[in-house]
Amino acid sequence: AVPADFALSGGGILGMRPSAFVSASTDYMAVPADLPELVKRYATITVPISVLYGTHDRILDPAVHGAQFKARLPQVHLEYVEGAGHMLPLTAPERVVTFVRGAAARVG
């Protein structure tokens, strides 16, 4: 569930600023045209990639956006937070900090 104070404490209301709303809407509308071309270029990515997903994410299905991404790019470091949802920085901040520190340590 979305935390009760997400709009203010979590910054959710910032997405309703006109410029943020227009930018997000423009990005969303471009996905069908742009994403297939981006996916074709995944294999050219050479920088380290670390991905953290909640196993109960209702926005981005971890089986699709996590596991399938890793299947395309085996070098991806993928971790899951059991029982967590989409907004890990708000609901599991300590786990996110540990993850980010681990990702930084892996790249030296």
N, C-alpha and C. Protein backbone atom coordinates (compact mmCIF):
# COMPACT_ATOMS: atom_id res chain seq x y z
N ALA A 1 0.84 -1.20 0.00
CA ALA A 1 0.00 0.00 0.00
C ALA A 1 0.88 1.25 0.00
N VAL A 2 0.36 2.28 -0.59
CA VAL A 2 1.06 3.56 -0.61
C VAL A 2 1.05 4.12 0.81
N PRO A 3 2.22 4.56 1.32
CA PRO A 3 2.24 5.16 2.66
C PRO A 3 1.30 6.36 2.73
N ALA A 4 0.65 6.53 3.87
CA ALA A 4 -0.34 7.61 4.04
C ALA A 4 0.26 8.99 3.78
N ASP A 5 1.54 9.17 4.10
CA ASP A 5 2.15 10.49 3.94
C ASP A 5 2.95 10.61 2.63
N PHE A 6 2.69 9.72 1.66
CA PHE A 6 3.48 9.71 0.44
C PHE A 6 3.43 11.03 -0.32
N ALA A 7 2.27 11.64 -0.41
CA ALA A 7 2.13 12.88 -1.20
C ALA A 7 3.09 13.96 -0.71
N LEU A 8 3.21 14.12 0.60
CA LEU A 8 4.07 15.18 1.13
C LEU A 8 5.44 14.66 1.53
N SER A 9 5.48 13.72 2.46
CA SER A 9 6.78 13.23 2.95
C SER A 9 7.53 12.46 1.88
N GLY A 10 6.81 11.74 1.03
CA GLY A 10 7.45 10.96 -0.02
C GLY A 10 7.65 11.72 -1.31
N GLY A 11 7.15 12.93 -1.40
CA GLY A 11 7.34 13.75 -2.59
C GLY A 11 6.41 13.43 -3.74
N GLY A 12 5.40 12.58 -3.51
CA GLY A 12 4.50 12.19 -4.58
C GLY A 12 3.80 13.35 -5.25
N ILE A 13 3.52 14.38 -4.50
CA ILE A 13 2.81 15.53 -5.06
C ILE A 13 3.66 16.29 -6.09
N LEU A 14 4.98 16.11 -6.02
CA LEU A 14 5.85 16.79 -6.98
C LEU A 14 5.57 16.34 -8.41
N GLY A 15 5.09 15.11 -8.56
CA GLY A 15 4.76 14.61 -9.89
C GLY A 15 3.56 15.31 -10.51
N MET A 16 2.84 16.07 -9.72
CA MET A 16 1.68 16.79 -10.24
C MET A 16 2.02 18.22 -10.67
N ARG A 17 3.26 18.64 -10.51
CA ARG A 17 3.65 19.94 -11.05
C ARG A 17 3.43 19.88 -12.55
N PRO A 18 2.96 20.96 -13.16
CA PRO A 18 2.69 20.91 -14.60
C PRO A 18 3.88 20.41 -15.43
N SER A 19 5.06 20.89 -15.15
CA SER A 19 6.22 20.46 -15.95
C SER A 19 6.52 18.98 -15.75
N ALA A 20 6.38 18.49 -14.53
CA ALA A 20 6.63 17.08 -14.26
C ALA A 20 5.56 16.21 -14.91
N PHE A 21 4.32 16.65 -14.83
CA PHE A 21 3.22 15.89 -15.43
C PHE A 21 3.37 15.81 -16.94
N VAL A 22 3.68 16.94 -17.58
CA VAL A 22 3.85 16.95 -19.03
C VAL A 22 5.04 16.08 -19.43
N SER A 23 6.15 16.17 -18.70
CA SER A 23 7.33 15.35 -19.02
C SER A 23 7.02 13.87 -18.89
N ALA A 24 6.39 13.48 -17.81
CA ALA A 24 6.06 12.07 -17.60
C ALA A 24 5.08 11.58 -18.66
N SER A 25 4.11 12.40 -19.00
CA SER A 25 3.14 12.03 -20.02
C SER A 25 3.80 11.87 -21.39
N THR A 26 4.72 12.77 -21.71
CA THR A 26 5.44 12.70 -22.98
C THR A 26 6.28 11.42 -23.03
N ASP A 27 6.98 11.12 -21.94
CA ASP A 27 7.77 9.88 -21.88
C ASP A 27 6.87 8.66 -22.06
N TYR A 28 5.75 8.65 -21.36
CA TYR A 28 4.84 7.51 -21.42
C TYR A 28 4.32 7.29 -22.84
N MET A 29 3.98 8.36 -23.51
CA MET A 29 3.45 8.25 -24.87
C MET A 29 4.52 7.79 -25.87
N ALA A 30 5.79 8.03 -25.57
CA ALA A 30 6.88 7.65 -26.47
C ALA A 30 7.28 6.18 -26.32
N VAL A 31 6.87 5.54 -25.26
CA VAL A 31 7.30 4.17 -24.98
C VAL A 31 7.04 3.21 -26.15
N PRO A 32 5.84 3.15 -26.70
CA PRO A 32 5.61 2.17 -27.77
C PRO A 32 6.54 2.35 -28.98
N ALA A 33 6.87 3.57 -29.28
CA ALA A 33 7.74 3.83 -30.44
C ALA A 33 9.22 3.67 -30.10
N ASP A 34 9.61 4.08 -28.90
CA ASP A 34 11.03 4.13 -28.55
C ASP A 34 11.58 2.88 -27.88
N LEU A 35 10.78 2.22 -27.07
CA LEU A 35 11.30 1.11 -26.28
C LEU A 35 11.84 -0.05 -27.12
N PRO A 36 11.17 -0.46 -28.17
CA PRO A 36 11.73 -1.57 -28.96
C PRO A 36 13.15 -1.27 -29.48
N GLU A 37 13.40 -0.05 -29.89
CA GLU A 37 14.73 0.32 -30.37
C GLU A 37 15.74 0.33 -29.22
N LEU A 38 15.30 0.76 -28.05
CA LEU A 38 16.19 0.75 -26.89
C LEU A 38 16.54 -0.68 -26.50
N VAL A 39 15.55 -1.56 -26.49
CA VAL A 39 15.78 -2.96 -26.11
C VAL A 39 16.79 -3.61 -27.05
N LYS A 40 16.73 -3.27 -28.32
CA LYS A 40 17.69 -3.82 -29.28
C LYS A 40 19.13 -3.46 -28.92
N ARG A 41 19.30 -2.36 -28.20
CA ARG A 41 20.64 -1.89 -27.86
C ARG A 41 21.11 -2.32 -26.47
N TYR A 42 20.29 -3.05 -25.75
CA TYR A 42 20.67 -3.51 -24.41
C TYR A 42 22.03 -4.21 -24.41
N ALA A 43 22.27 -5.03 -25.40
CA ALA A 43 23.51 -5.82 -25.44
C ALA A 43 24.76 -4.94 -25.56
N THR A 44 24.59 -3.68 -25.92
CA THR A 44 25.74 -2.78 -26.05
C THR A 44 26.08 -2.08 -24.74
N ILE A 45 25.27 -2.27 -23.72
CA ILE A 45 25.52 -1.63 -22.43
C ILE A 45 26.77 -2.24 -21.79
N THR A 46 27.71 -1.39 -21.44
CA THR A 46 28.96 -1.90 -20.87
C THR A 46 29.19 -1.45 -19.42
N VAL A 47 28.35 -0.56 -18.92
CA VAL A 47 28.51 -0.11 -17.54
C VAL A 47 27.88 -1.12 -16.58
N PRO A 48 28.35 -1.19 -15.35
CA PRO A 48 27.74 -2.10 -14.37
C PRO A 48 26.28 -1.72 -14.10
N ILE A 49 25.44 -2.71 -13.97
CA ILE A 49 24.02 -2.49 -13.71
C ILE A 49 23.61 -3.31 -12.50
N SER A 50 22.97 -2.64 -11.55
CA SER A 50 22.41 -3.31 -10.38
C SER A 50 20.94 -2.93 -10.29
N VAL A 51 20.08 -3.92 -10.04
CA VAL A 51 18.64 -3.70 -10.01
C VAL A 51 18.09 -4.30 -8.72
N LEU A 52 17.24 -3.53 -8.05
CA LEU A 52 16.61 -3.97 -6.81
C LEU A 52 15.10 -3.90 -7.00
N TYR A 53 14.41 -5.00 -6.74
CA TYR A 53 12.96 -5.06 -6.89
C TYR A 53 12.32 -5.63 -5.65
N GLY A 54 11.13 -5.13 -5.33
CA GLY A 54 10.29 -5.75 -4.33
C GLY A 54 9.53 -6.89 -4.99
N THR A 55 9.42 -8.02 -4.31
CA THR A 55 8.74 -9.17 -4.92
C THR A 55 7.24 -8.93 -5.11
N HIS A 56 6.69 -7.93 -4.43
CA HIS A 56 5.27 -7.63 -4.58
C HIS A 56 5.03 -6.28 -5.24
N ASP A 57 5.95 -5.87 -6.11
CA ASP A 57 5.80 -4.61 -6.85
C ASP A 57 4.59 -4.72 -7.77
N ARG A 58 3.62 -3.82 -7.59
CA ARG A 58 2.41 -3.84 -8.41
C ARG A 58 2.51 -2.88 -9.60
N ILE A 59 3.61 -2.14 -9.70
CA ILE A 59 3.80 -1.20 -10.81
C ILE A 59 4.63 -1.86 -11.91
N LEU A 60 5.78 -2.40 -11.53
CA LEU A 60 6.69 -3.06 -12.46
C LEU A 60 6.87 -4.50 -12.01
N ASP A 61 6.33 -5.43 -12.76
CA ASP A 61 6.39 -6.84 -12.41
C ASP A 61 7.85 -7.30 -12.36
N PRO A 62 8.33 -7.73 -11.19
CA PRO A 62 9.73 -8.14 -11.07
C PRO A 62 10.10 -9.31 -11.99
N ALA A 63 9.14 -10.17 -12.31
CA ALA A 63 9.43 -11.29 -13.21
C ALA A 63 9.71 -10.79 -14.62
N VAL A 64 9.07 -9.70 -15.00
CA VAL A 64 9.28 -9.14 -16.34
C VAL A 64 10.45 -8.17 -16.32
N HIS A 65 10.35 -7.17 -15.48
CA HIS A 65 11.33 -6.08 -15.52
C HIS A 65 12.63 -6.41 -14.80
N GLY A 66 12.63 -7.40 -13.96
CA GLY A 66 13.85 -7.83 -13.30
C GLY A 66 14.44 -9.05 -13.97
N ALA A 67 13.73 -10.15 -13.91
CA ALA A 67 14.25 -11.42 -14.41
C ALA A 67 14.49 -11.41 -15.92
N GLN A 68 13.56 -10.84 -16.68
CA GLN A 68 13.76 -10.82 -18.13
C GLN A 68 14.89 -9.88 -18.53
N PHE A 69 15.05 -8.79 -17.79
CA PHE A 69 16.17 -7.88 -18.06
C PHE A 69 17.49 -8.60 -17.82
N LYS A 70 17.57 -9.32 -16.70
CA LYS A 70 18.78 -10.07 -16.40
C LYS A 70 19.02 -11.18 -17.43
N ALA A 71 17.96 -11.79 -17.92
CA ALA A 71 18.11 -12.82 -18.95
C ALA A 71 18.73 -12.25 -20.22
N ARG A 72 18.40 -11.00 -20.54
CA ARG A 72 18.98 -10.34 -21.72
C ARG A 72 20.41 -9.88 -21.45
N LEU A 73 20.69 -9.53 -20.20
CA LEU A 73 22.00 -9.03 -19.82
C LEU A 73 22.48 -9.79 -18.58
N PRO A 74 23.13 -10.93 -18.75
CA PRO A 74 23.53 -11.75 -17.61
C PRO A 74 24.44 -11.03 -16.61
N GLN A 75 25.11 -9.97 -17.03
CA GLN A 75 25.99 -9.25 -16.10
C GLN A 75 25.21 -8.39 -15.10
N VAL A 76 23.92 -8.27 -15.26
CA VAL A 76 23.10 -7.48 -14.34
C VAL A 76 23.12 -8.15 -12.96
N HIS A 77 23.38 -7.33 -11.94
CA HIS A 77 23.28 -7.81 -10.56
C HIS A 77 21.85 -7.51 -10.11
N LEU A 78 21.08 -8.56 -9.85
CA LEU A 78 19.67 -8.42 -9.52
C LEU A 78 19.41 -8.95 -8.12
N GLU A 79 18.75 -8.14 -7.32
CA GLU A 79 18.36 -8.55 -5.97
C GLU A 79 16.88 -8.25 -5.77
N TYR A 80 16.25 -9.03 -4.91
CA TYR A 80 14.85 -8.84 -4.57
C TYR A 80 14.70 -8.56 -3.07
N VAL A 81 13.69 -7.78 -2.73
CA VAL A 81 13.31 -7.56 -1.34
C VAL A 81 11.99 -8.30 -1.16
N GLU A 82 12.06 -9.40 -0.45
CA GLU A 82 10.90 -10.27 -0.26
C GLU A 82 9.75 -9.52 0.41
N GLY A 83 8.57 -9.58 -0.21
CA GLY A 83 7.37 -8.99 0.36
C GLY A 83 7.22 -7.50 0.15
N ALA A 84 8.22 -6.85 -0.43
CA ALA A 84 8.18 -5.39 -0.61
C ALA A 84 7.51 -5.02 -1.92
N GLY A 85 7.06 -3.77 -2.00
CA GLY A 85 6.40 -3.26 -3.18
C GLY A 85 7.31 -2.37 -4.01
N HIS A 86 6.74 -1.34 -4.61
CA HIS A 86 7.41 -0.51 -5.60
C HIS A 86 8.32 0.57 -5.00
N MET A 87 7.90 1.21 -3.96
CA MET A 87 8.62 2.38 -3.45
C MET A 87 9.61 2.00 -2.35
N LEU A 88 10.61 1.24 -2.72
CA LEU A 88 11.59 0.74 -1.75
C LEU A 88 12.30 1.84 -0.97
N PRO A 89 12.64 2.98 -1.57
CA PRO A 89 13.29 4.02 -0.76
C PRO A 89 12.43 4.50 0.41
N LEU A 90 11.10 4.38 0.27
CA LEU A 90 10.22 4.81 1.36
C LEU A 90 9.89 3.67 2.32
N THR A 91 9.76 2.47 1.78
CA THR A 91 9.29 1.36 2.62
C THR A 91 10.41 0.47 3.15
N ALA A 92 11.56 0.52 2.52
CA ALA A 92 12.70 -0.30 2.96
C ALA A 92 14.01 0.47 2.79
N PRO A 93 14.09 1.67 3.39
CA PRO A 93 15.25 2.53 3.15
C PRO A 93 16.59 1.90 3.55
N GLU A 94 16.62 1.16 4.64
CA GLU A 94 17.88 0.55 5.06
C GLU A 94 18.36 -0.47 4.03
N ARG A 95 17.41 -1.22 3.49
CA ARG A 95 17.75 -2.22 2.47
C ARG A 95 18.27 -1.55 1.20
N VAL A 96 17.69 -0.41 0.85
CA VAL A 96 18.13 0.33 -0.33
C VAL A 96 19.55 0.86 -0.12
N VAL A 97 19.81 1.39 1.06
CA VAL A 97 21.16 1.89 1.36
C VAL A 97 22.19 0.77 1.25
N THR A 98 21.87 -0.37 1.82
CA THR A 98 22.78 -1.53 1.74
C THR A 98 23.01 -1.94 0.29
N PHE A 99 21.94 -1.94 -0.49
CA PHE A 99 22.04 -2.31 -1.90
C PHE A 99 22.93 -1.33 -2.66
N VAL A 100 22.71 -0.04 -2.47
CA VAL A 100 23.49 0.98 -3.18
C VAL A 100 24.96 0.90 -2.77
N ARG A 101 25.21 0.72 -1.49
CA ARG A 101 26.61 0.57 -1.05
C ARG A 101 27.26 -0.67 -1.65
N GLY A 102 26.52 -1.75 -1.74
CA GLY A 102 27.05 -2.97 -2.36
C GLY A 102 27.33 -2.77 -3.84
N ALA A 103 26.42 -2.07 -4.53
CA ALA A 103 26.63 -1.80 -5.96
C ALA A 103 27.88 -0.94 -6.15
N ALA A 104 28.05 0.05 -5.30
CA ALA A 104 29.24 0.92 -5.40
C ALA A 104 30.52 0.13 -5.12
N ALA A 105 30.46 -0.75 -4.15
CA ALA A 105 31.64 -1.55 -3.81
C ALA A 105 32.02 -2.51 -4.94
N ARG A 106 31.02 -3.03 -5.64
CA ARG A 106 31.30 -3.95 -6.75
C ARG A 106 32.03 -3.27 -7.92
N VAL A 107 31.80 -1.97 -8.07
CA VAL A 107 32.45 -1.28 -9.20
C VAL A 107 33.75 -0.61 -8.77
N GLY A 108 34.04 -0.67 -7.49
CA GLY A 108 35.33 -0.24 -7.02
C GLY A 108 35.48 1.15 -6.63
